[in-house]
Amino acid sequence: MSPIRQSVALTIWGLRSLPSRPGAFLTSFVSIVLVAAVLTSLLSMGEGIHRFGTNHARADRAVIMSRGAPDPIESIIPPEALATIANDPQVRRAADGHPLASGTVTVGVDVMTREGTRGTVYLYGLTNPQVYPEIQLMQGRWPRPGVHELLASAAAQNLNVGLDISSRVPIRGADWTIVGTFRETGDLFDQALLADAATIMSAVGRVSFEQAVVILKAADELPRFTEVMAANPTLKVDVYGEAAIREERISGTRHFLDFVAYFIGAIMAGAATCAALSSAYSAVEARAQELATLRAIGFGSASIIASLITEALIIALIGAVAGGLAAWIGFSGRTMSTNALTFPVVVGPRELIISALWVLAIALLGSALPAVRTARTSVAAALAAA
């Protein structure tokens, strides 16, 4: 019998004998399931905030901030600069002939969540809401320029009190009235209120926008548009593709969540590896006479090593599936909240694959040493010990 056929036969035989050694099997299997479930759940937080932050990012939408500004809060786009940007020939125009360009401004608004804790939503001011076609009116109407009126997201209304239509929201000493609701977008606008940008600027004493957002005629116009903006002596701005700037803004939070996931996963992996080693040694000792007999009748050491490792990897893969399924059932679709952000937890293919590779590595480390030790023990010594 060839070594490969020997390995396959031994692996099948080993899997069939699992019920006869439940203690060692369950110790290893439960450890694997727990590691897979916890790692998948923690990684899903990072994936959730990534999707939430980058959803609806368009390749033909550009974000313009003042040169060198690290974020919108430190960016200054004067109204005359916005007019120059909007009138560039590469900016798409709406059916009515107006350029699809908007100045934006952001203000934090304190709210009370439905759980009774203090929270924050962001008030986004836009001069032209058409640059964000994903924002769709659901009830009521759009706020009027020059009037203290707000549009609230349906998601923000569900999470917080006092944001229903006709409710009044105090902002910088004045009451603003909710006049409409827009549908959930699945991105950062779900935590938002909207209003006319010029009205907000007047209320908070600002004279410039934080950034400009434009929709270009085509996605491949971005490099040329960037060159034109850089070459204009009246402008001192940096141009970013929307997807790139959104990715950059949430990268810090995602990296932190991934670090926490891997840190805790590494601790659990160490414990699981120890459990796997212990159970593997126990399983080998329980089967010492059988393995020695197999070697005596002609089964090679390499085939035995391969079969023991393969058996461990199969058990680990089943455990990874069970752990991933538990994480998906328990966490996917749920939300995680911080003071100013509530985002969905997403269990996707990336998280399942990473956790599966993680536990397969644990199984490989936990089974290799006992397998090699068994193969190197002489047949006579193994039979005598048994």
Protein backbone atom coordinates (compact mmCIF):
# COMPACT_ATOMS: atom_id res chain seq x y z
CA MET A 1 0.00 0.00 0.00
CA SER A 2 1.37 3.42 -0.96
CA PRO A 3 2.16 5.99 1.77
CA ILE A 4 -0.73 8.19 0.62
CA ARG A 5 -3.24 5.35 0.81
CA GLN A 6 -1.82 4.39 4.20
CA SER A 7 -2.34 7.97 5.45
CA VAL A 8 -5.91 8.11 4.16
CA ALA A 9 -6.77 4.75 5.72
CA LEU A 10 -5.23 5.72 9.06
CA THR A 11 -7.02 9.09 9.06
CA ILE A 12 -10.40 7.45 8.45
CA TRP A 13 -9.68 4.89 11.13
CA GLY A 14 -8.63 7.63 13.59
CA LEU A 15 -11.79 9.66 12.98
CA ARG A 16 -13.98 6.60 13.48
CA SER A 17 -12.28 5.91 16.81
CA LEU A 18 -13.05 9.36 18.25
CA PRO A 19 -16.07 8.12 20.29
CA SER A 20 -13.73 5.77 22.18
CA ARG A 21 -11.65 8.72 23.47
CA PRO A 22 -14.21 11.48 24.14
CA GLY A 23 -12.18 13.33 26.79
CA ALA A 24 -9.22 14.21 24.59
CA PHE A 25 -11.46 14.94 21.60
CA LEU A 26 -13.83 17.27 23.45
CA THR A 27 -10.98 19.19 25.12
CA SER A 28 -9.43 20.00 21.77
CA PHE A 29 -12.71 20.56 19.91
CA VAL A 30 -14.25 22.93 22.48
CA SER A 31 -11.03 24.97 22.63
CA ILE A 32 -11.04 25.31 18.85
CA VAL A 33 -14.70 26.34 18.73
CA LEU A 34 -14.20 29.00 21.40
CA VAL A 35 -11.13 30.48 19.69
CA ALA A 36 -12.92 30.58 16.32
CA ALA A 37 -16.08 32.14 17.79
CA VAL A 38 -14.28 34.81 19.81
CA LEU A 39 -11.80 35.76 17.07
CA THR A 40 -14.55 35.92 14.43
CA SER A 41 -16.73 38.07 16.69
CA LEU A 42 -13.93 40.52 17.47
CA LEU A 43 -12.81 40.82 13.86
CA SER A 44 -16.42 41.44 12.82
CA MET A 45 -16.35 44.73 14.72
CA GLY A 46 -13.51 46.00 12.54
CA GLU A 47 -15.24 44.79 9.40
CA GLY A 48 -18.47 46.43 10.52
CA ILE A 49 -16.94 49.85 11.00
CA HIS A 50 -15.04 49.49 7.70
CA ARG A 51 -18.20 48.80 5.72
CA PHE A 52 -20.11 51.45 7.63
CA GLY A 53 -17.45 54.06 6.92
CA THR A 54 -16.91 53.25 3.24
CA ASN A 55 -20.40 52.24 2.10
CA HIS A 56 -21.68 54.26 -0.87
CA ALA A 57 -18.22 55.72 -1.59
CA ARG A 58 -18.19 56.60 -5.29
CA ALA A 59 -15.25 56.54 -7.65
CA ASP A 60 -16.55 59.68 -9.39
CA ARG A 61 -17.05 61.68 -6.17
CA ALA A 62 -14.15 63.82 -4.95
CA VAL A 63 -13.55 65.55 -1.63
CA ILE A 64 -11.60 68.80 -1.52
CA MET A 65 -9.98 70.22 1.62
CA SER A 66 -7.56 73.07 2.20
CA ARG A 67 -3.95 72.19 1.51
CA GLY A 68 -2.27 70.26 4.29
CA ALA A 69 -5.40 69.94 6.46
CA PRO A 70 -5.33 66.55 8.22
CA ASP A 71 -9.12 66.43 8.65
CA PRO A 72 -12.22 68.53 7.85
CA ILE A 73 -12.19 70.28 11.23
CA GLU A 74 -8.91 72.01 10.29
CA SER A 75 -9.88 72.63 6.67
CA ILE A 76 -11.06 76.00 5.34
CA ILE A 77 -12.82 76.35 1.98
CA PRO A 78 -14.00 79.96 1.44
CA PRO A 79 -17.25 80.48 -0.53
CA GLU A 80 -15.35 81.99 -3.48
CA ALA A 81 -13.11 78.89 -3.62
CA LEU A 82 -16.20 76.69 -3.65
CA ALA A 83 -17.56 78.67 -6.61
CA THR A 84 -14.28 78.18 -8.51
CA ILE A 85 -14.29 74.45 -7.79
CA ALA A 86 -17.95 74.03 -8.77
CA ASN A 87 -17.49 75.78 -12.12
CA ASP A 88 -14.65 73.53 -13.26
CA PRO A 89 -15.58 71.86 -16.58
CA GLN A 90 -14.89 68.39 -15.18
CA VAL A 91 -17.63 68.72 -12.56
CA ARG A 92 -20.87 67.06 -13.63
CA ARG A 93 -24.01 69.16 -13.90
CA ALA A 94 -27.54 68.24 -12.87
CA ALA A 95 -30.51 68.28 -15.25
CA ASP A 96 -31.22 71.89 -14.28
CA GLY A 97 -27.69 72.91 -15.26
CA HIS A 98 -26.37 73.48 -11.75
CA PRO A 99 -23.00 71.86 -10.94
CA LEU A 100 -23.08 68.83 -8.65
CA ALA A 101 -20.90 70.47 -6.02
CA SER A 102 -21.54 71.21 -2.37
CA GLY A 103 -19.82 72.98 0.45
CA THR A 104 -20.10 71.10 3.74
CA VAL A 105 -19.85 71.94 7.42
CA THR A 106 -20.22 69.68 10.48
CA VAL A 107 -21.41 70.37 14.03
CA GLY A 108 -21.74 67.89 16.90
CA VAL A 109 -25.16 67.79 18.58
CA ASP A 110 -25.78 66.29 22.03
CA VAL A 111 -28.71 63.88 22.22
CA MET A 112 -30.22 61.40 24.63
CA THR A 113 -30.26 57.77 23.51
CA ARG A 114 -33.25 55.52 24.01
CA GLU A 115 -31.18 53.65 26.64
CA GLY A 116 -31.09 56.83 28.71
CA THR A 117 -27.43 57.72 28.11
CA ARG A 118 -25.94 60.83 26.54
CA GLY A 119 -24.80 60.54 22.95
CA THR A 120 -23.81 62.60 19.93
CA VAL A 121 -25.10 62.88 16.39
CA TYR A 122 -23.49 65.01 13.72
CA LEU A 123 -25.27 67.83 11.97
CA TYR A 124 -24.09 67.99 8.35
CA GLY A 125 -24.67 71.17 6.44
CA LEU A 126 -24.85 70.90 2.64
CA THR A 127 -25.28 73.61 0.05
CA ASN A 128 -26.40 71.04 -2.53
CA PRO A 129 -27.78 67.69 -1.29
CA GLN A 130 -27.75 66.33 -4.86
CA VAL A 131 -24.09 65.37 -4.43
CA TYR A 132 -25.37 62.57 -2.16
CA PRO A 133 -28.13 60.84 -4.15
CA GLU A 134 -28.13 57.98 -1.61
CA ILE A 135 -29.87 60.35 0.82
CA GLN A 136 -33.54 59.83 0.00
CA LEU A 137 -36.44 61.62 1.66
CA MET A 138 -38.83 59.24 3.45
CA GLN A 139 -41.19 61.57 5.29
CA GLY A 140 -41.77 65.31 5.52
CA ARG A 141 -39.64 67.70 3.46
CA TRP A 142 -36.13 69.07 3.06
CA PRO A 143 -35.03 71.95 5.32
CA ARG A 144 -35.36 75.42 3.84
CA PRO A 145 -32.34 77.74 3.56
CA GLY A 146 -32.28 80.49 6.15
CA VAL A 147 -34.62 78.66 8.53
CA HIS A 148 -33.64 76.59 11.58
CA GLU A 149 -34.90 73.29 10.16
CA LEU A 150 -33.40 69.80 10.20
CA LEU A 151 -33.71 66.52 8.36
CA ALA A 152 -33.11 63.44 10.55
CA SER A 153 -32.04 59.96 9.50
CA ALA A 154 -34.45 57.14 10.30
CA ALA A 155 -31.61 55.29 12.06
CA ALA A 156 -30.84 58.28 14.31
CA GLN A 157 -34.53 58.55 15.19
CA ASN A 158 -34.61 54.87 16.17
CA LEU A 159 -31.53 55.18 18.39
CA ASN A 160 -32.24 58.52 20.06
CA VAL A 161 -35.18 60.38 21.60
CA GLY A 162 -36.34 63.83 20.55
CA LEU A 163 -35.57 63.47 16.83
CA ASP A 164 -39.08 62.77 15.53
CA ILE A 165 -40.75 65.08 13.02
CA SER A 166 -41.83 68.36 14.67
CA SER A 167 -39.40 67.81 17.57
CA ARG A 168 -37.20 70.74 18.52
CA VAL A 169 -33.46 70.26 18.92
CA PRO A 170 -31.44 72.91 20.81
CA ILE A 171 -28.30 73.87 18.89
CA ARG A 172 -26.08 76.71 20.05
CA GLY A 173 -28.82 78.45 21.99
CA ALA A 174 -31.57 78.15 19.35
CA ASP A 175 -34.25 75.55 18.71
CA TRP A 176 -34.16 73.77 15.35
CA THR A 177 -37.23 71.88 14.13
CA ILE A 178 -37.17 68.40 12.58
CA VAL A 179 -39.15 68.74 9.33
CA GLY A 180 -38.36 65.44 7.62
CA THR A 181 -36.82 61.99 7.74
CA PHE A 182 -34.48 60.32 5.25
CA ARG A 183 -34.00 56.61 4.73
CA GLU A 184 -31.17 54.64 6.28
CA THR A 185 -28.10 54.70 4.03
CA GLY A 186 -25.97 52.07 5.78
CA ASP A 187 -23.12 54.54 6.24
CA LEU A 188 -22.10 57.51 8.37
CA PHE A 189 -25.19 59.50 7.40
CA ASP A 190 -27.23 57.08 9.52
CA GLN A 191 -25.90 58.95 12.58
CA ALA A 192 -26.70 62.35 11.14
CA LEU A 193 -28.95 65.35 10.94
CA LEU A 194 -28.93 67.44 7.77
CA ALA A 195 -29.52 71.14 7.23
CA ASP A 196 -28.62 73.99 4.89
CA ALA A 197 -24.90 74.72 5.22
CA ALA A 198 -25.19 78.51 5.03
CA THR A 199 -27.83 78.50 7.78
CA ILE A 200 -25.59 76.44 10.08
CA MET A 201 -22.59 78.67 9.36
CA SER A 202 -24.63 81.75 10.26
CA ALA A 203 -25.84 80.11 13.48
CA VAL A 204 -22.37 79.05 14.67
CA GLY A 205 -20.44 82.08 13.42
CA ARG A 206 -18.46 80.48 10.61
CA VAL A 207 -17.61 82.14 7.32
CA SER A 208 -16.02 79.18 5.47
CA PHE A 209 -16.90 75.61 4.62
CA GLU A 210 -14.90 72.68 5.94
CA GLN A 211 -14.69 70.89 2.61
CA ALA A 212 -16.18 70.72 -0.85
CA VAL A 213 -17.67 67.60 -2.41
CA VAL A 214 -18.15 67.25 -6.17
CA ILE A 215 -19.33 64.58 -8.57
CA LEU A 216 -17.10 64.39 -11.63
CA LYS A 217 -18.23 63.59 -15.15
CA ALA A 218 -16.38 60.26 -14.95
CA ALA A 219 -14.29 58.38 -12.41
CA ASP A 220 -11.19 58.58 -14.58
CA GLU A 221 -11.38 62.38 -14.45
CA LEU A 222 -10.04 62.40 -10.87
CA PRO A 223 -6.29 62.62 -11.74
CA ARG A 224 -6.89 65.43 -14.22
CA PHE A 225 -9.22 67.27 -11.82
CA THR A 226 -6.56 66.98 -9.10
CA GLU A 227 -3.94 68.51 -11.43
CA VAL A 228 -6.22 71.39 -12.38
CA MET A 229 -7.03 72.19 -8.74
CA ALA A 230 -3.34 72.08 -7.79
CA ALA A 231 -2.37 74.33 -10.69
CA ASN A 232 -4.96 77.01 -9.93
CA PRO A 233 -3.11 79.87 -8.17
CA THR A 234 -6.30 81.08 -6.45
CA LEU A 235 -6.80 77.73 -4.73
CA LYS A 236 -4.70 76.02 -2.09
CA VAL A 237 -6.45 72.69 -1.82
CA ASP A 238 -5.87 68.94 -1.78
CA VAL A 239 -8.17 66.60 -3.72
CA TYR A 240 -9.03 63.10 -2.55
CA GLY A 241 -11.04 60.28 -4.03
CA GLU A 242 -14.00 59.69 -1.74
CA ALA A 243 -13.20 56.02 -1.16
CA ALA A 244 -9.59 56.83 -0.19
CA ILE A 245 -10.49 59.60 2.25
CA ARG A 246 -13.22 57.55 3.91
CA GLU A 247 -10.84 54.60 4.26
CA GLU A 248 -8.24 56.86 5.85
CA ARG A 249 -10.71 58.35 8.32
CA ILE A 250 -11.84 55.02 9.73
CA SER A 251 -8.49 53.21 9.44
CA GLY A 252 -7.37 54.15 12.94
CA THR A 253 -10.49 52.75 14.59
CA ARG A 254 -10.42 49.61 12.48
CA HIS A 255 -6.73 48.98 13.19
CA PHE A 256 -7.40 49.37 16.91
CA LEU A 257 -10.30 46.91 16.82
CA ASP A 258 -8.24 44.43 14.78
CA PHE A 259 -5.34 44.78 17.24
CA VAL A 260 -7.65 43.98 20.14
CA ALA A 261 -9.01 41.00 18.19
CA TYR A 262 -5.58 39.57 17.43
CA PHE A 263 -4.26 40.30 20.93
CA ILE A 264 -7.10 38.46 22.63
CA GLY A 265 -7.02 35.83 19.89
CA ALA A 266 -3.31 35.24 20.50
CA ILE A 267 -3.90 34.72 24.22
CA MET A 268 -6.71 32.27 23.51
CA ALA A 269 -4.64 30.60 20.80
CA GLY A 270 -1.84 29.95 23.29
CA ALA A 271 -4.30 28.35 25.70
CA ALA A 272 -5.90 26.37 22.90
CA THR A 273 -2.51 25.16 21.67
CA CYS A 274 -1.69 23.90 25.14
CA ALA A 275 -5.06 22.14 25.25
CA ALA A 276 -4.45 20.66 21.82
CA LEU A 277 -1.01 19.41 22.84
CA SER A 278 -2.37 17.88 26.01
CA SER A 279 -5.26 16.16 24.23
CA ALA A 280 -3.02 15.03 21.38
CA TYR A 281 -0.52 13.44 23.76
CA SER A 282 -3.38 11.80 25.65
CA ALA A 283 -4.86 10.47 22.42
CA VAL A 284 -1.49 9.13 21.27
CA GLU A 285 -0.84 7.43 24.59
CA ALA A 286 -4.30 5.84 24.50
CA ARG A 287 -3.56 4.50 21.01
CA ALA A 288 0.09 3.62 21.59
CA GLN A 289 -0.42 -0.15 21.22
CA GLU A 290 -2.54 0.26 18.09
CA LEU A 291 -0.04 2.62 16.44
CA ALA A 292 2.87 0.35 17.35
CA THR A 293 1.02 -2.63 15.90
CA LEU A 294 0.38 -0.71 12.67
CA ARG A 295 4.07 0.10 12.36
CA ALA A 296 4.94 -3.54 13.03
CA ILE A 297 2.76 -4.73 10.14
CA GLY A 298 4.26 -2.27 7.68
CA PHE A 299 2.66 1.15 8.06
CA GLY A 300 5.37 3.80 7.71
CA SER A 301 6.22 6.51 10.24
CA ALA A 302 5.51 9.25 7.69
CA SER A 303 2.02 7.85 7.07
CA ILE A 304 1.26 7.79 10.80
CA ILE A 305 2.51 11.37 11.24
CA ALA A 306 0.46 12.56 8.27
CA SER A 307 -2.67 10.80 9.51
CA LEU A 308 -2.43 12.22 13.04
CA ILE A 309 -1.90 15.76 11.75
CA THR A 310 -4.67 15.41 9.14
CA GLU A 311 -7.06 14.13 11.80
CA ALA A 312 -6.30 17.18 13.97
CA LEU A 313 -6.76 19.56 11.02
CA ILE A 314 -10.13 18.02 10.11
CA ILE A 315 -11.35 18.37 13.69
CA ALA A 316 -10.07 21.97 13.74
CA LEU A 317 -11.83 22.79 10.46
CA ILE A 318 -15.12 21.45 11.82
CA GLY A 319 -14.54 23.48 14.99
CA ALA A 320 -13.81 26.59 12.92
CA VAL A 321 -17.10 26.14 11.04
CA ALA A 322 -18.98 25.66 14.30
CA GLY A 323 -17.31 28.68 15.92
CA GLY A 324 -17.88 30.87 12.87
CA LEU A 325 -21.52 29.82 12.72
CA ALA A 326 -21.96 30.62 16.42
CA ALA A 327 -20.43 34.07 15.89
CA TRP A 328 -22.61 34.71 12.84
CA ILE A 329 -25.80 33.69 14.68
CA GLY A 330 -24.89 35.60 17.82
CA PHE A 331 -23.41 38.82 16.44
CA SER A 332 -23.97 39.42 12.71
CA GLY A 333 -26.42 42.27 12.19
CA ARG A 334 -26.20 43.53 15.76
CA THR A 335 -24.88 47.00 16.49
CA MET A 336 -21.99 48.32 18.55
CA SER A 337 -22.17 51.80 20.03
CA THR A 338 -19.62 54.39 21.06
CA ASN A 339 -20.37 57.89 22.28
CA ALA A 340 -20.73 59.28 18.75
CA LEU A 341 -21.03 56.27 16.51
CA THR A 342 -23.25 53.24 16.21
CA PHE A 343 -22.25 50.73 13.56
CA PRO A 344 -23.28 47.20 12.61
CA VAL A 345 -21.23 44.13 13.43
CA VAL A 346 -20.53 42.23 10.21
CA VAL A 347 -19.42 38.60 10.07
CA GLY A 348 -18.13 38.20 6.52
CA PRO A 349 -15.92 35.81 4.51
CA ARG A 350 -12.74 37.62 5.59
CA GLU A 351 -13.41 37.03 9.28
CA LEU A 352 -14.41 33.39 8.77
CA ILE A 353 -11.31 32.65 6.67
CA ILE A 354 -8.94 34.34 9.14
CA SER A 355 -10.40 32.48 12.13
CA ALA A 356 -10.27 29.19 10.19
CA LEU A 357 -6.59 29.72 9.31
CA TRP A 358 -5.94 30.67 12.95
CA VAL A 359 -7.39 27.47 14.39
CA LEU A 360 -5.79 25.32 11.68
CA ALA A 361 -2.44 26.73 12.74
CA ILE A 362 -3.28 25.85 16.36
CA ALA A 363 -4.18 22.31 15.32
CA LEU A 364 -0.97 21.95 13.32
CA LEU A 365 1.18 23.11 16.22
CA GLY A 366 -0.73 21.01 18.72
CA SER A 367 -0.54 17.78 16.73
CA ALA A 368 2.87 17.91 15.06
CA LEU A 369 5.01 17.28 18.16
CA PRO A 370 2.99 14.30 19.49
CA ALA A 371 2.84 12.82 16.00
CA VAL A 372 6.59 13.08 15.46
CA ARG A 373 7.30 11.72 18.93
CA THR A 374 5.08 8.72 18.27
CA ALA A 375 6.71 8.01 14.93
CA ARG A 376 10.21 8.18 16.41
CA THR A 377 9.43 5.78 19.27
CA SER A 378 10.60 2.24 18.53
CA VAL A 379 7.99 -0.44 17.98
CA ALA A 380 9.35 -2.56 20.83
CA ALA A 381 9.31 0.38 23.27
CA ALA A 382 5.79 1.38 22.27
CA LEU A 383 4.48 -2.19 22.71
CA ALA A 384 6.26 -2.56 26.03
CA ALA A 385 4.85 0.75 27.31
CA ALA A 386 1.37 -0.27 26.19
